[in-house]
Amino acid sequence: QVQLVESGGGLVQPGGSLRLSCVVSSRTFSTYNMAWFRQAPGKEREFVAVISYRGGSTSYADSVKGRFTISRDNARNTVYLQMNSLKSEDTAVYYCAADPPPQLIRSAWYDSKNWDYWGQGTQVTVSS
């Protein structure tokens, strides 16, 4: 069974930065597309960022483009989300998700229902 464990959330002031990490327990992590989603209170889970299994392709939600960066270290079975210039509207529980082979086609990346494995989530609160 594939397990995902997120860390790095917390309370940060507007304009601050955080780096989230997600460690995946799988021997074939390097074959997984990986993504971050988030869910704010009373809202549906929404796409944040995705990185292809080789790391050569990334995509971001318009709301975070230019502020967030997704990356991965296949040697460490870890995917990261660097979040800069944080805003109050970034407050949410952040989840990482894994997509093992056969990987999703690109157009399917953005719907949370298509992802197979999920972490437990880590809370990010942006407030002064």
Protein backbone atom coordinates (compact mmCIF):
# COMPACT_ATOMS: atom_id res chain seq x y z
CA GLN A 1 0.00 0.00 0.00
CA VAL A 2 1.33 3.41 -0.99
CA GLN A 3 1.49 5.93 1.84
CA LEU A 4 1.97 9.67 1.55
CA VAL A 5 3.01 11.83 4.50
CA GLU A 6 2.94 15.63 4.25
CA SER A 7 4.78 18.04 6.52
CA GLY A 8 5.81 21.67 6.67
CA GLY A 9 2.52 23.41 7.24
CA GLY A 10 1.98 26.07 9.87
CA LEU A 11 1.07 29.65 10.60
CA VAL A 12 2.74 32.35 8.53
CA GLN A 13 2.18 36.07 8.03
CA PRO A 14 1.02 37.46 4.69
CA GLY A 15 3.98 37.80 2.37
CA GLY A 16 5.83 34.98 4.07
CA SER A 17 7.02 31.62 2.80
CA LEU A 18 6.62 27.95 3.61
CA ARG A 19 7.92 24.75 2.05
CA LEU A 20 5.73 21.68 2.15
CA SER A 21 7.15 18.18 1.78
CA CYS A 22 5.48 14.90 0.93
CA VAL A 23 7.31 11.61 1.40
CA VAL A 24 5.97 8.63 -0.51
CA SER A 25 6.48 5.04 0.60
CA SER A 26 6.91 3.28 -2.71
CA ARG A 27 9.80 1.64 -4.53
CA THR A 28 8.49 2.99 -7.80
CA PHE A 29 8.03 6.64 -6.79
CA SER A 30 9.97 7.76 -9.85
CA THR A 31 7.15 6.48 -12.06
CA TYR A 32 4.45 8.55 -10.33
CA ASN A 33 3.09 11.89 -11.37
CA MET A 34 2.69 13.94 -8.19
CA ALA A 35 0.42 16.84 -7.33
CA TRP A 36 -0.66 19.22 -4.61
CA PHE A 37 -4.29 20.10 -3.97
CA ARG A 38 -5.82 22.25 -1.25
CA GLN A 39 -9.14 22.57 0.50
CA ALA A 40 -10.35 25.61 2.38
CA PRO A 41 -13.25 25.43 4.87
CA GLY A 42 -16.57 25.16 3.08
CA LYS A 43 -14.95 24.80 -0.32
CA GLU A 44 -14.19 21.92 -2.67
CA ARG A 45 -10.71 20.51 -3.02
CA GLU A 46 -8.87 22.40 -5.73
CA PHE A 47 -5.81 21.81 -7.85
CA VAL A 48 -2.63 23.69 -6.94
CA ALA A 49 0.31 22.18 -8.85
CA VAL A 50 1.49 19.02 -10.59
CA ILE A 51 4.84 17.58 -11.66
CA SER A 52 5.35 14.75 -14.09
CA TYR A 53 7.12 11.57 -13.05
CA ARG A 54 10.35 12.59 -14.75
CA GLY A 55 10.04 16.14 -13.44
CA GLY A 56 10.16 17.61 -16.91
CA SER A 57 6.64 18.98 -16.92
CA THR A 58 4.84 21.12 -14.36
CA SER A 59 1.56 22.97 -14.25
CA TYR A 60 0.06 25.44 -11.78
CA ALA A 61 -3.28 26.91 -10.90
CA ASP A 62 -3.55 30.50 -12.07
CA SER A 63 -4.01 31.63 -8.47
CA VAL A 64 -0.53 30.42 -7.45
CA LYS A 65 1.43 30.85 -10.67
CA GLY A 66 4.61 32.82 -10.10
CA ARG A 67 4.43 32.34 -6.31
CA PHE A 68 4.52 28.55 -5.82
CA THR A 69 7.04 26.04 -7.17
CA ILE A 70 6.61 22.27 -7.25
CA SER A 71 9.69 20.05 -7.40
CA ARG A 72 10.68 16.47 -6.67
CA ASP A 73 13.66 14.46 -5.52
CA ASN A 74 13.26 10.91 -6.78
CA ALA A 75 16.23 9.72 -4.73
CA ARG A 76 14.40 10.80 -1.57
CA ASN A 77 10.88 9.78 -2.68
CA THR A 78 9.81 13.33 -1.92
CA VAL A 79 7.82 16.05 -3.63
CA TYR A 80 7.98 19.66 -2.46
CA LEU A 81 5.84 22.76 -2.72
CA GLN A 82 7.71 26.02 -2.17
CA MET A 83 5.18 28.74 -1.38
CA ASN A 84 6.26 32.37 -1.48
CA SER A 85 4.38 35.65 -1.16
CA LEU A 86 1.63 33.90 0.73
CA LYS A 87 -1.80 35.48 0.93
CA SER A 88 -4.70 34.98 3.31
CA GLU A 89 -6.59 33.23 0.53
CA ASP A 90 -3.92 30.52 0.48
CA THR A 91 -5.16 29.33 3.86
CA ALA A 92 -6.25 25.71 3.50
CA VAL A 93 -5.37 22.11 4.19
CA TYR A 94 -2.82 21.07 1.59
CA TYR A 95 -2.80 17.50 0.29
CA CYS A 96 -0.31 15.70 -1.89
CA ALA A 97 -1.56 13.12 -4.34
CA ALA A 98 0.09 10.34 -6.33
CA ASP A 99 -0.68 8.98 -9.79
CA PRO A 100 1.04 5.63 -10.45
CA PRO A 101 1.28 3.96 -13.86
CA PRO A 102 -0.57 4.00 -16.12
CA GLN A 103 -0.28 7.73 -15.58
CA LEU A 104 -3.11 10.15 -16.22
CA ILE A 105 -3.20 12.09 -19.43
CA ARG A 106 -2.43 15.75 -18.96
CA SER A 107 -6.04 16.92 -19.23
CA ALA A 108 -6.99 14.68 -16.29
CA TRP A 109 -4.39 16.12 -13.92
CA TYR A 110 -6.65 18.90 -12.64
CA ASP A 111 -9.54 16.86 -11.21
CA SER A 112 -8.89 15.48 -7.73
CA LYS A 113 -11.19 12.53 -8.44
CA ASN A 114 -8.64 11.10 -10.87
CA TRP A 115 -5.81 10.74 -8.36
CA ASP A 116 -5.24 7.36 -6.71
CA TYR A 117 -3.40 8.03 -3.46
CA TRP A 118 -3.60 10.85 -0.93
CA GLY A 119 -1.82 12.05 2.15
CA GLN A 120 -3.54 13.12 5.35
CA GLY A 121 -3.04 16.81 4.69
CA THR A 122 -1.14 19.62 6.38
CA GLN A 123 -2.71 22.88 7.53
CA VAL A 124 -1.42 26.17 6.15
CA THR A 125 -2.73 29.33 7.78
CA VAL A 126 -1.79 32.75 6.47
CA SER A 127 -2.71 35.43 8.95
CA SER A 128 -1.27 38.45 10.72
